[in-house]
PDB file of N, CA and C in Angstrom:
ATOM      1  N   UNK A   1     -36.929 -17.572  35.001  1.00  0.00           N
ATOM      2  CA  UNK A   1     -37.086 -16.234  34.153  1.00  0.00           C
ATOM      3  C   UNK A   1     -35.486 -16.308  33.907  1.00  0.00           C
ATOM      4  N   UNK A   2     -35.039 -15.987  32.934  1.00  0.00           N
ATOM      5  CA  UNK A   2     -33.882 -16.094  32.184  1.00  0.00           C
ATOM      6  C   UNK A   2     -32.952 -14.571  32.382  1.00  0.00           C
ATOM      7  N   UNK A   3     -31.627 -14.541  32.769  1.00  0.00           N
ATOM      8  CA  UNK A   3     -31.174 -13.208  32.869  1.00  0.00           C
ATOM      9  C   UNK A   3     -30.613 -12.941  31.667  1.00  0.00           C
ATOM     10  N   UNK A   4     -29.969 -11.463  31.947  1.00  0.00           N
ATOM     11  CA  UNK A   4     -29.502 -10.844  30.744  1.00  0.00           C
ATOM     12  C   UNK A   4     -28.549 -11.260  29.911  1.00  0.00           C
ATOM     13  N   UNK A   5     -27.820 -12.432  30.949  1.00  0.00           N
ATOM     14  CA  UNK A   5     -26.268 -12.692  30.379  1.00  0.00           C
ATOM     15  C   UNK A   5     -26.575 -14.055  29.354  1.00  0.00           C
ATOM     16  N   UNK A   6     -27.613 -14.845  29.977  1.00  0.00           N
ATOM     17  CA  UNK A   6     -28.624 -16.014  29.221  1.00  0.00           C
ATOM     18  C   UNK A   6     -29.056 -15.660  27.814  1.00  0.00           C
ATOM     19  N   UNK A   7     -29.704 -14.356  27.862  1.00  0.00           N
ATOM     20  CA  UNK A   7     -30.551 -13.881  26.314  1.00  0.00           C
ATOM     21  C   UNK A   7     -29.189 -13.473  25.645  1.00  0.00           C
ATOM     22  N   UNK A   8     -28.235 -12.827  26.198  1.00  0.00           N
ATOM     23  CA  UNK A   8     -26.854 -12.606  25.231  1.00  0.00           C
ATOM     24  C   UNK A   8     -26.302 -14.135  25.016  1.00  0.00           C
ATOM     25  N   UNK A   9     -26.348 -14.803  25.790  1.00  0.00           N
ATOM     26  CA  UNK A   9     -25.646 -16.095  25.111  1.00  0.00           C
ATOM     27  C   UNK A   9     -26.714 -16.939  24.214  1.00  0.00           C
ATOM     28  N   UNK A  10     -27.560 -17.287  24.030  1.00  0.00           N
ATOM     29  CA  UNK A  10     -28.582 -17.468  23.140  1.00  0.00           C
ATOM     30  C   UNK A  10     -28.726 -16.609  21.834  1.00  0.00           C
ATOM     31  N   UNK A  11     -28.199 -15.421  21.954  1.00  0.00           N
ATOM     32  CA  UNK A  11     -28.596 -14.523  20.854  1.00  0.00           C
ATOM     33  C   UNK A  11     -27.007 -14.800  20.117  1.00  0.00           C
ATOM     34  N   UNK A  12     -26.067 -15.048  20.862  1.00  0.00           N
ATOM     35  CA  UNK A  12     -24.587 -15.240  20.169  1.00  0.00           C
ATOM     36  C   UNK A  12     -24.589 -16.512  19.418  1.00  0.00           C
ATOM     37  N   UNK A  13     -25.130 -17.692  19.937  1.00  0.00           N
ATOM     38  CA  UNK A  13     -25.442 -18.942  19.343  1.00  0.00           C
ATOM     39  C   UNK A  13     -26.002 -18.758  17.964  1.00  0.00           C
ATOM     40  N   UNK A  14     -27.065 -18.098  18.020  1.00  0.00           N
ATOM     41  CA  UNK A  14     -27.818 -17.678  17.258  1.00  0.00           C
ATOM     42  C   UNK A  14     -27.234 -17.580  15.914  1.00  0.00           C
ATOM     43  N   UNK A  15     -26.234 -16.350  16.553  1.00  0.00           N
ATOM     44  CA  UNK A  15     -25.605 -15.220  15.211  1.00  0.00           C
ATOM     45  C   UNK A  15     -24.306 -16.193  14.805  1.00  0.00           C
ATOM     46  N   UNK A  16     -23.616 -16.847  15.768  1.00  0.00           N
ATOM     47  CA  UNK A  16     -22.761 -17.869  15.023  1.00  0.00           C
ATOM     48  C   UNK A  16     -23.141 -18.755  13.786  1.00  0.00           C
ATOM     49  N   UNK A  17     -24.346 -19.677  13.997  1.00  0.00           N
ATOM     50  CA  UNK A  17     -24.755 -20.394  12.938  1.00  0.00           C
ATOM     51  C   UNK A  17     -25.244 -19.945  11.586  1.00  0.00           C
ATOM     52  N   UNK A  18     -25.189 -18.311  11.286  1.00  0.00           N
ATOM     53  CA  UNK A  18     -25.593 -17.773  10.113  1.00  0.00           C
ATOM     54  C   UNK A  18     -23.813 -16.839   9.511  1.00  0.00           C
ATOM     55  N   UNK A  19     -24.023 -16.772   8.725  1.00  0.00           N
ATOM     56  CA  UNK A  19     -22.720 -15.904   8.117  1.00  0.00           C
ATOM     57  C   UNK A  19     -23.337 -14.454   8.516  1.00  0.00           C
ATOM     58  N   UNK A  20     -22.420 -13.568   8.956  1.00  0.00           N
ATOM     59  CA  UNK A  20     -23.220 -12.383   9.136  1.00  0.00           C
ATOM     60  C   UNK A  20     -21.871 -11.415   8.956  1.00  0.00           C
ATOM     61  N   UNK A  21     -22.225  -9.943   7.875  1.00  0.00           N
ATOM     62  CA  UNK A  21     -20.962  -9.324   8.026  1.00  0.00           C
ATOM     63  C   UNK A  21     -21.625  -8.097   8.435  1.00  0.00           C
ATOM     64  N   UNK A  22     -20.452  -7.296   9.079  1.00  0.00           N
ATOM     65  CA  UNK A  22     -21.062  -5.908   9.482  1.00  0.00           C
ATOM     66  C   UNK A  22     -19.858  -5.179   9.071  1.00  0.00           C
ATOM     67  N   UNK A  23     -20.118  -3.736   8.726  1.00  0.00           N
ATOM     68  CA  UNK A  23     -19.564  -2.440   7.912  1.00  0.00           C
ATOM     69  C   UNK A  23     -19.329  -1.737   9.356  1.00  0.00           C
ATOM     70  N   UNK A  24     -17.812  -1.695  10.162  1.00  0.00           N
ATOM     71  CA  UNK A  24     -17.887  -0.763  11.136  1.00  0.00           C
ATOM     72  C   UNK A  24     -17.469   0.289  10.822  1.00  0.00           C
ATOM     73  N   UNK A  25     -17.246   1.567  11.791  1.00  0.00           N
ATOM     74  CA  UNK A  25     -16.663   2.929  11.437  1.00  0.00           C
ATOM     75  C   UNK A  25     -15.054   2.484  11.494  1.00  0.00           C
ATOM     76  N   UNK A  26     -14.286   3.230  10.846  1.00  0.00           N
ATOM     77  CA  UNK A  26     -12.684   3.070  10.929  1.00  0.00           C
ATOM     78  C   UNK A  26     -12.379   3.614  12.102  1.00  0.00           C
ATOM     79  N   UNK A  27     -12.464   3.287  13.384  1.00  0.00           N
ATOM     80  CA  UNK A  27     -12.306   3.476  14.371  1.00  0.00           C
ATOM     81  C   UNK A  27     -12.170   2.877  15.465  1.00  0.00           C
ATOM     82  N   UNK A  28     -11.174   2.972  16.497  1.00  0.00           N
ATOM     83  CA  UNK A  28     -11.736   1.463  17.555  1.00  0.00           C
ATOM     84  C   UNK A  28     -12.467   1.841  18.514  1.00  0.00           C
ATOM     85  N   UNK A  29     -13.596   2.510  18.681  1.00  0.00           N
ATOM     86  CA  UNK A  29     -14.679   2.888  19.502  1.00  0.00           C
ATOM     87  C   UNK A  29     -15.201   1.529  19.761  1.00  0.00           C
ATOM     88  N   UNK A  30     -16.213   1.420  20.685  1.00  0.00           N
ATOM     89  CA  UNK A  30     -17.282   0.492  21.345  1.00  0.00           C
ATOM     90  C   UNK A  30     -17.856  -0.293  20.217  1.00  0.00           C
ATOM     91  N   UNK A  31     -18.323   0.637  19.186  1.00  0.00           N
ATOM     92  CA  UNK A  31     -19.389  -0.018  18.299  1.00  0.00           C
ATOM     93  C   UNK A  31     -18.426  -1.282  17.630  1.00  0.00           C
ATOM     94  N   UNK A  32     -16.938  -0.699  17.264  1.00  0.00           N
ATOM     95  CA  UNK A  32     -16.044  -1.665  16.556  1.00  0.00           C
ATOM     96  C   UNK A  32     -15.345  -2.826  17.519  1.00  0.00           C
ATOM     97  N   UNK A  33     -15.286  -2.426  18.336  1.00  0.00           N
ATOM     98  CA  UNK A  33     -14.620  -3.587  19.535  1.00  0.00           C
ATOM     99  C   UNK A  33     -15.913  -4.771  20.266  1.00  0.00           C
ATOM    100  N   UNK A  34     -17.025  -3.986  20.455  1.00  0.00           N
ATOM    101  CA  UNK A  34     -18.289  -5.169  20.540  1.00  0.00           C
ATOM    102  C   UNK A  34     -18.004  -6.236  19.267  1.00  0.00           C
ATOM    103  N   UNK A  35     -18.061  -5.462  18.227  1.00  0.00           N
ATOM    104  CA  UNK A  35     -18.265  -6.293  17.098  1.00  0.00           C
ATOM    105  C   UNK A  35     -17.274  -7.380  16.767  1.00  0.00           C
ATOM    106  N   UNK A  36     -16.243  -6.816  17.354  1.00  0.00           N
ATOM    107  CA  UNK A  36     -14.935  -7.861  17.305  1.00  0.00           C
ATOM    108  C   UNK A  36     -14.904  -9.189  18.268  1.00  0.00           C
ATOM    109  N   UNK A  37     -15.691  -8.547  19.320  1.00  0.00           N
ATOM    110  CA  UNK A  37     -16.024  -9.659  20.794  1.00  0.00           C
ATOM    111  C   UNK A  37     -16.788 -10.544  20.144  1.00  0.00           C
ATOM    112  N   UNK A  38     -17.429 -10.168  19.151  1.00  0.00           N
ATOM    113  CA  UNK A  38     -18.890 -10.959  18.946  1.00  0.00           C
ATOM    114  C   UNK A  38     -18.499 -11.671  17.376  1.00  0.00           C
ATOM    115  N   UNK A  39     -17.602 -11.518  16.611  1.00  0.00           N
ATOM    116  CA  UNK A  39     -17.141 -12.165  15.220  1.00  0.00           C
ATOM    117  C   UNK A  39     -16.124 -12.952  16.112  1.00  0.00           C
ATOM    118  N   UNK A  40     -16.119 -13.942  14.415  1.00  0.00           N
ATOM    119  CA  UNK A  40     -15.360 -15.212  14.596  1.00  0.00           C
ATOM    120  C   UNK A  40     -13.884 -15.054  13.429  1.00  0.00           C
ATOM    121  N   UNK A  41     -14.234 -14.193  12.649  1.00  0.00           N
ATOM    122  CA  UNK A  41     -13.138 -13.557  11.664  1.00  0.00           C
ATOM    123  C   UNK A  41     -13.398 -12.357  11.613  1.00  0.00           C
ATOM    124  N   UNK A  42     -12.381 -11.605  11.275  1.00  0.00           N
ATOM    125  CA  UNK A  42     -12.229 -10.047  10.599  1.00  0.00           C
ATOM    126  C   UNK A  42     -11.417 -10.301   9.309  1.00  0.00           C
ATOM    127  N   UNK A  43     -12.281  -9.083   8.122  1.00  0.00           N
ATOM    128  CA  UNK A  43     -11.468  -8.646   6.904  1.00  0.00           C
ATOM    129  C   UNK A  43     -11.059  -7.588   7.164  1.00  0.00           C
ATOM    130  N   UNK A  44      -9.855  -7.420   6.786  1.00  0.00           N
ATOM    131  CA  UNK A  44      -9.217  -5.712   7.287  1.00  0.00           C
ATOM    132  C   UNK A  44      -8.955  -5.156   5.804  1.00  0.00           C
ATOM    133  N   UNK A  45      -9.588  -4.018   5.626  1.00  0.00           N
ATOM    134  CA  UNK A  45      -9.232  -3.251   4.601  1.00  0.00           C
ATOM    135  C   UNK A  45      -7.991  -2.218   4.700  1.00  0.00           C
ATOM    136  N   UNK A  46      -7.251  -2.469   3.881  1.00  0.00           N
ATOM    137  CA  UNK A  46      -6.099  -1.447   4.086  1.00  0.00           C
ATOM    138  C   UNK A  46      -5.578  -0.574   2.664  1.00  0.00           C
ATOM    139  N   UNK A  47      -5.569   0.512   3.147  1.00  0.00           N
ATOM    140  CA  UNK A  47      -5.371   1.748   2.136  1.00  0.00           C
ATOM    141  C   UNK A  47      -3.705   1.426   2.057  1.00  0.00           C
ATOM    142  N   UNK A  48      -3.297   1.501   0.228  1.00  0.00           N
ATOM    143  CA  UNK A  48      -2.112   0.977  -0.074  1.00  0.00           C
ATOM    144  C   UNK A  48      -1.565   2.631   0.117  1.00  0.00           C
ATOM    145  N   UNK A  49      -1.834   3.216   1.264  1.00  0.00           N
ATOM    146  CA  UNK A  49      -0.580   4.500   2.002  1.00  0.00           C
ATOM    147  C   UNK A  49       0.059   4.161   3.071  1.00  0.00           C
ATOM    148  N   UNK A  50       1.500   5.070   3.241  1.00  0.00           N
ATOM    149  CA  UNK A  50       2.359   4.909   4.252  1.00  0.00           C
ATOM    150  C   UNK A  50       1.357   4.816   5.571  1.00  0.00           C
ATOM    151  N   UNK A  51       0.532   5.958   5.855  1.00  0.00           N
ATOM    152  CA  UNK A  51       0.009   6.155   7.267  1.00  0.00           C
ATOM    153  C   UNK A  51      -0.756   4.924   7.452  1.00  0.00           C
ATOM    154  N   UNK A  52      -1.674   4.260   6.433  1.00  0.00           N
ATOM    155  CA  UNK A  52      -2.046   2.936   6.579  1.00  0.00           C
ATOM    156  C   UNK A  52      -1.129   2.077   7.490  1.00  0.00           C
ATOM    157  N   UNK A  53      -0.459   1.884   7.135  1.00  0.00           N
ATOM    158  CA  UNK A  53       0.702   0.929   7.563  1.00  0.00           C
ATOM    159  C   UNK A  53       0.765   0.947   9.152  1.00  0.00           C
ATOM    160  N   UNK A  54       1.300   2.644   9.711  1.00  0.00           N
ATOM    161  CA  UNK A  54       1.041   2.551  11.138  1.00  0.00           C
ATOM    162  C   UNK A  54      -0.107   2.453  12.037  1.00  0.00           C
ATOM    163  N   UNK A  55      -1.490   2.779  11.053  1.00  0.00           N
ATOM    164  CA  UNK A  55      -3.102   2.241  11.762  1.00  0.00           C
ATOM    165  C   UNK A  55      -2.923   1.027  11.629  1.00  0.00           C
ATOM    166  N   UNK A  56      -2.341  -0.096  10.922  1.00  0.00           N
ATOM    167  CA  UNK A  56      -2.748  -1.492  10.829  1.00  0.00           C
ATOM    168  C   UNK A  56      -1.791  -1.849  11.717  1.00  0.00           C
ATOM    169  N   UNK A  57      -0.692  -1.754  12.523  1.00  0.00           N
ATOM    170  CA  UNK A  57       0.037  -1.821  13.347  1.00  0.00           C
ATOM    171  C   UNK A  57      -0.610  -1.822  14.805  1.00  0.00           C
ATOM    172  N   UNK A  58      -1.656  -1.059  14.953  1.00  0.00           N
ATOM    173  CA  UNK A  58      -2.424  -0.439  15.960  1.00  0.00           C
ATOM    174  C   UNK A  58      -3.561  -1.209  16.098  1.00  0.00           C
ATOM    175  N   UNK A  59      -4.146  -1.810  14.790  1.00  0.00           N
ATOM    176  CA  UNK A  59      -5.180  -2.178  15.109  1.00  0.00           C
ATOM    177  C   UNK A  59      -4.577  -3.790  15.287  1.00  0.00           C
ATOM    178  N   UNK A  60      -3.483  -4.259  14.666  1.00  0.00           N
ATOM    179  CA  UNK A  60      -3.307  -5.602  15.071  1.00  0.00           C
ATOM    180  C   UNK A  60      -2.771  -5.674  16.588  1.00  0.00           C
ATOM    181  N   UNK A  61      -2.525  -4.817  17.126  1.00  0.00           N
ATOM    182  CA  UNK A  61      -2.052  -4.841  18.400  1.00  0.00           C
ATOM    183  C   UNK A  61      -3.383  -4.780  19.499  1.00  0.00           C
ATOM    184  N   UNK A  62      -4.332  -4.216  18.741  1.00  0.00           N
ATOM    185  CA  UNK A  62      -5.826  -4.173  19.841  1.00  0.00           C
ATOM    186  C   UNK A  62      -6.474  -5.559  19.109  1.00  0.00           C
ATOM    187  N   UNK A  63      -6.224  -5.960  18.306  1.00  0.00           N
ATOM    188  CA  UNK A  63      -7.081  -7.750  18.153  1.00  0.00           C
ATOM    189  C   UNK A  63      -5.874  -8.511  18.613  1.00  0.00           C
ATOM    190  N   UNK A  64      -4.851  -8.477  18.856  1.00  0.00           N
ATOM    191  CA  UNK A  64      -4.315  -9.266  19.750  1.00  0.00           C
ATOM    192  C   UNK A  64      -4.945  -9.260  21.406  1.00  0.00           C
ATOM    193  N   UNK A  65      -5.016  -8.223  21.619  1.00  0.00           N
ATOM    194  CA  UNK A  65      -5.794  -8.001  22.728  1.00  0.00           C
ATOM    195  C   UNK A  65      -7.152  -8.394  23.031  1.00  0.00           C
ATOM    196  N   UNK A  66      -7.622  -8.290  22.392  1.00  0.00           N
ATOM    197  CA  UNK A  66      -9.505  -9.005  22.201  1.00  0.00           C
ATOM    198  C   UNK A  66      -9.095 -10.229  22.001  1.00  0.00           C
ATOM    199  N   UNK A  67      -8.094 -10.311  21.383  1.00  0.00           N
ATOM    200  CA  UNK A  67      -8.066 -11.967  21.145  1.00  0.00           C
ATOM    201  C   UNK A  67      -7.905 -12.823  23.011  1.00  0.00           C
ATOM    202  N   UNK A  68      -6.428 -11.905  23.278  1.00  0.00           N
ATOM    203  CA  UNK A  68      -5.992 -12.712  24.348  1.00  0.00           C
ATOM    204  C   UNK A  68      -7.237 -12.495  25.406  1.00  0.00           C
ATOM    205  N   UNK A  69      -7.942 -11.356  25.293  1.00  0.00           N
ATOM    206  CA  UNK A  69      -8.931 -11.064  26.949  1.00  0.00           C
ATOM    207  C   UNK A  69     -10.221 -11.319  26.607  1.00  0.00           C
ATOM    208  N   UNK A  70     -10.665 -11.178  25.466  1.00  0.00           N
ATOM    209  CA  UNK A  70     -12.159 -11.186  25.362  1.00  0.00           C
ATOM    210  C   UNK A  70     -12.570 -12.167  24.233  1.00  0.00           C
ATOM    211  N   UNK A  71     -12.226 -12.698  23.071  1.00  0.00           N
ATOM    212  CA  UNK A  71     -12.596 -13.741  22.308  1.00  0.00           C
ATOM    213  C   UNK A  71     -11.259 -14.236  21.720  1.00  0.00           C
ATOM    214  N   UNK A  72     -11.059 -15.433  22.633  1.00  0.00           N
ATOM    215  CA  UNK A  72     -10.019 -15.830  21.444  1.00  0.00           C
ATOM    216  C   UNK A  72     -10.139 -16.696  20.409  1.00  0.00           C
ATOM    217  N   UNK A  73     -11.737 -16.980  19.656  1.00  0.00           N
ATOM    218  CA  UNK A  73     -11.885 -17.295  18.522  1.00  0.00           C
ATOM    219  C   UNK A  73     -11.591 -16.855  17.206  1.00  0.00           C
ATOM    220  N   UNK A  74     -11.404 -15.362  17.775  1.00  0.00           N
ATOM    221  CA  UNK A  74     -11.017 -14.370  16.763  1.00  0.00           C
ATOM    222  C   UNK A  74      -9.978 -14.108  16.096  1.00  0.00           C
ATOM    223  N   UNK A  75     -10.217 -14.508  14.757  1.00  0.00           N
ATOM    224  CA  UNK A  75      -9.208 -15.266  13.694  1.00  0.00           C
ATOM    225  C   UNK A  75      -9.125 -13.688  12.715  1.00  0.00           C
ATOM    226  N   UNK A  76      -8.147 -13.475  11.590  1.00  0.00           N
ATOM    227  CA  UNK A  76      -7.910 -12.317  10.702  1.00  0.00           C
ATOM    228  C   UNK A  76      -7.869 -13.373   9.521  1.00  0.00           C
ATOM    229  N   UNK A  77      -9.404 -13.273   8.855  1.00  0.00           N
ATOM    230  CA  UNK A  77      -9.629 -13.854   7.543  1.00  0.00           C
ATOM    231  C   UNK A  77      -9.042 -13.433   6.217  1.00  0.00           C
ATOM    232  N   UNK A  78      -8.624 -11.966   6.711  1.00  0.00           N
ATOM    233  CA  UNK A  78      -7.835 -11.481   4.984  1.00  0.00           C
ATOM    234  C   UNK A  78      -7.386  -9.764   5.117  1.00  0.00           C
ATOM    235  N   UNK A  79      -6.613  -9.506   4.282  1.00  0.00           N
ATOM    236  CA  UNK A  79      -6.428  -8.178   4.050  1.00  0.00           C
ATOM    237  C   UNK A  79      -6.704  -7.867   2.536  1.00  0.00           C
ATOM    238  N   UNK A  80      -7.736  -6.965   2.848  1.00  0.00           N
ATOM    239  CA  UNK A  80      -7.952  -6.001   1.417  1.00  0.00           C
ATOM    240  C   UNK A  80      -7.804  -5.140   1.119  1.00  0.00           C
ATOM    241  N   UNK A  81      -6.402  -4.921   0.471  1.00  0.00           N
ATOM    242  CA  UNK A  81      -5.987  -3.907  -0.051  1.00  0.00           C
ATOM    243  C   UNK A  81      -6.904  -3.019  -0.986  1.00  0.00           C
ATOM    244  N   UNK A  82      -7.047  -1.566  -0.537  1.00  0.00           N
ATOM    245  CA  UNK A  82      -8.012  -0.630  -1.244  1.00  0.00           C
ATOM    246  C   UNK A  82      -7.333   0.763  -1.625  1.00  0.00           C
ATOM    247  N   UNK A  83      -7.982   1.165  -2.536  1.00  0.00           N
ATOM    248  CA  UNK A  83      -7.575   2.150  -3.481  1.00  0.00           C
ATOM    249  C   UNK A  83      -5.989   1.994  -3.787  1.00  0.00           C
ATOM    250  N   UNK A  84      -6.007   1.389  -4.312  1.00  0.00           N
ATOM    251  CA  UNK A  84      -4.357   0.308  -4.910  1.00  0.00           C
ATOM    252  C   UNK A  84      -4.389   1.237  -6.346  1.00  0.00           C
ATOM    253  N   UNK A  85      -3.110   2.000  -6.640  1.00  0.00           N
ATOM    254  CA  UNK A  85      -2.701   2.626  -8.067  1.00  0.00           C
ATOM    255  C   UNK A  85      -1.223   2.052  -8.319  1.00  0.00           C
ATOM    256  N   UNK A  86      -1.378   0.591  -9.052  1.00  0.00           N
ATOM    257  CA  UNK A  86      -0.271   0.089  -9.430  1.00  0.00           C
ATOM    258  C   UNK A  86       1.028   1.155  -9.956  1.00  0.00           C
ATOM    259  N   UNK A  87       0.456   2.050 -10.449  1.00  0.00           N
ATOM    260  CA  UNK A  87       1.344   3.000 -11.281  1.00  0.00           C
ATOM    261  C   UNK A  87       2.250   3.594 -10.270  1.00  0.00           C
ATOM    262  N   UNK A  88       1.789   3.984  -8.710  1.00  0.00           N
ATOM    263  CA  UNK A  88       2.492   4.781  -8.321  1.00  0.00           C
ATOM    264  C   UNK A  88       3.536   3.673  -6.961  1.00  0.00           C
ATOM    265  N   UNK A  89       5.011   3.985  -6.700  1.00  0.00           N
ATOM    266  CA  UNK A  89       5.754   3.353  -5.999  1.00  0.00           C
ATOM    267  C   UNK A  89       4.670   3.166  -4.716  1.00  0.00           C
ATOM    268  N   UNK A  90       4.491   4.145  -4.404  1.00  0.00           N
ATOM    269  CA  UNK A  90       3.875   3.992  -2.899  1.00  0.00           C
ATOM    270  C   UNK A  90       3.451   2.848  -2.865  1.00  0.00           C
ATOM    271  N   UNK A  91       2.045   2.546  -3.262  1.00  0.00           N
ATOM    272  CA  UNK A  91       1.501   1.966  -3.336  1.00  0.00           C
ATOM    273  C   UNK A  91       1.672   0.320  -3.589  1.00  0.00           C
ATOM    274  N   UNK A  92       2.690   0.031  -4.751  1.00  0.00           N
ATOM    275  CA  UNK A  92       3.696  -1.042  -4.581  1.00  0.00           C
ATOM    276  C   UNK A  92       4.574  -1.144  -3.596  1.00  0.00           C
ATOM    277  N   UNK A  93       4.701  -0.457  -2.987  1.00  0.00           N
ATOM    278  CA  UNK A  93       5.658  -0.571  -1.928  1.00  0.00           C
ATOM    279  C   UNK A  93       5.011  -1.308  -0.603  1.00  0.00           C
ATOM    280  N   UNK A  94       3.586  -0.224  -0.234  1.00  0.00           N
ATOM    281  CA  UNK A  94       2.637  -1.208   0.623  1.00  0.00           C
ATOM    282  C   UNK A  94       2.531  -2.577   0.152  1.00  0.00           C
ATOM    283  N   UNK A  95       1.738  -2.644  -0.814  1.00  0.00           N
ATOM    284  CA  UNK A  95       1.448  -3.836  -1.124  1.00  0.00           C
ATOM    285  C   UNK A  95       2.537  -5.363  -0.844  1.00  0.00           C
ATOM    286  N   UNK A  96       3.716  -4.582  -1.276  1.00  0.00           N
ATOM    287  CA  UNK A  96       4.669  -5.749  -1.117  1.00  0.00           C
ATOM    288  C   UNK A  96       5.058  -5.850   0.472  1.00  0.00           C
ATOM    289  N   UNK A  97       5.005  -4.754   0.866  1.00  0.00           N
ATOM    290  CA  UNK A  97       4.927  -4.968   2.683  1.00  0.00           C
ATOM    291  C   UNK A  97       3.886  -6.002   3.330  1.00  0.00           C
ATOM    292  N   UNK A  98       2.286  -5.760   2.710  1.00  0.00           N
ATOM    293  CA  UNK A  98       1.754  -6.509   3.610  1.00  0.00           C
ATOM    294  C   UNK A  98       1.359  -7.950   3.045  1.00  0.00           C
ATOM    295  N   UNK A  99       1.687  -7.945   1.479  1.00  0.00           N
ATOM    296  CA  UNK A  99       2.159  -9.432   1.107  1.00  0.00           C
ATOM    297  C   UNK A  99       3.206 -10.263   2.291  1.00  0.00           C
ATOM    298  N   UNK A 100       4.305  -9.629   2.561  1.00  0.00           N
ATOM    299  CA  UNK A 100       5.071 -10.012   2.885  1.00  0.00           C
ATOM    300  C   UNK A 100       4.716 -10.779   4.297  1.00  0.00           C
ATOM    301  N   UNK A 101       3.887 -10.096   5.226  1.00  0.00           N
ATOM    302  CA  UNK A 101       3.586 -10.086   6.762  1.00  0.00           C
ATOM    303  C   UNK A 101       2.654 -10.799   6.415  1.00  0.00           C
ATOM    304  N   UNK A 102       1.591 -10.637   5.368  1.00  0.00           N
ATOM    305  CA  UNK A 102       0.528 -11.582   5.926  1.00  0.00           C
ATOM    306  C   UNK A 102       0.199 -12.335   4.379  1.00  0.00           C
ATOM    307  N   UNK A 103       1.213 -13.205   4.305  1.00  0.00           N
ATOM    308  CA  UNK A 103       1.119 -13.883   2.386  1.00  0.00           C
ATOM    309  C   UNK A 103       0.320 -14.411   2.294  1.00  0.00           C
ATOM    310  N   UNK A 104      -1.064 -15.163   3.254  1.00  0.00           N
ATOM    311  CA  UNK A 104      -2.233 -15.826   2.764  1.00  0.00           C
ATOM    312  C   UNK A 104      -2.932 -15.459   3.066  1.00  0.00           C
ATOM    313  N   UNK A 105      -3.121 -13.780   3.289  1.00  0.00           N
ATOM    314  CA  UNK A 105      -4.063 -12.796   3.887  1.00  0.00           C
ATOM    315  C   UNK A 105      -4.368 -12.077   3.096  1.00  0.00           C
ATOM    316  N   UNK A 106      -3.668 -11.644   2.176  1.00  0.00           N
ATOM    317  CA  UNK A 106      -3.711 -10.611   1.210  1.00  0.00           C
ATOM    318  C   UNK A 106      -4.217 -10.690  -0.027  1.00  0.00           C
ATOM    319  N   UNK A 107      -5.187  -9.895  -0.678  1.00  0.00           N
ATOM    320  CA  UNK A 107      -5.773  -9.578  -1.900  1.00  0.00           C
ATOM    321  C   UNK A 107      -6.451  -8.040  -2.313  1.00  0.00           C
ATOM    322  N   UNK A 108      -6.536  -7.780  -3.266  1.00  0.00           N
ATOM    323  CA  UNK A 108      -7.188  -6.362  -3.762  1.00  0.00           C
ATOM    324  C   UNK A 108      -7.992  -6.450  -4.990  1.00  0.00           C
ATOM    325  N   UNK A 109      -8.788  -5.677  -5.210  1.00  0.00           N
ATOM    326  CA  UNK A 109     -10.198  -5.758  -6.069  1.00  0.00           C
ATOM    327  C   UNK A 109      -9.149  -5.768  -7.445  1.00  0.00           C
TER     328      UNK A 109
END
């Protein structure tokens, strides 16, 4: 009889063979952490607002912790800039900051 951990391992192998996307709540609760542990890559949506940069710093710290302790395969596939209004200086400044720190990972719609 297979143990629960063996069942989980088999399920993870099956999921890795397929592409799978999952939208998670904008919090770092157990659902999001479990999804990050199961994922190979993550796309991070970032609003082009000041407080989003502060939240991004917290998220990056959490991603590093998950990489170090639970899932060394996890990488950032990209940053998706959302709610961007190129007419405002704030949006332009946030976009510039994201592109400076993540030059190959940032895009916007």
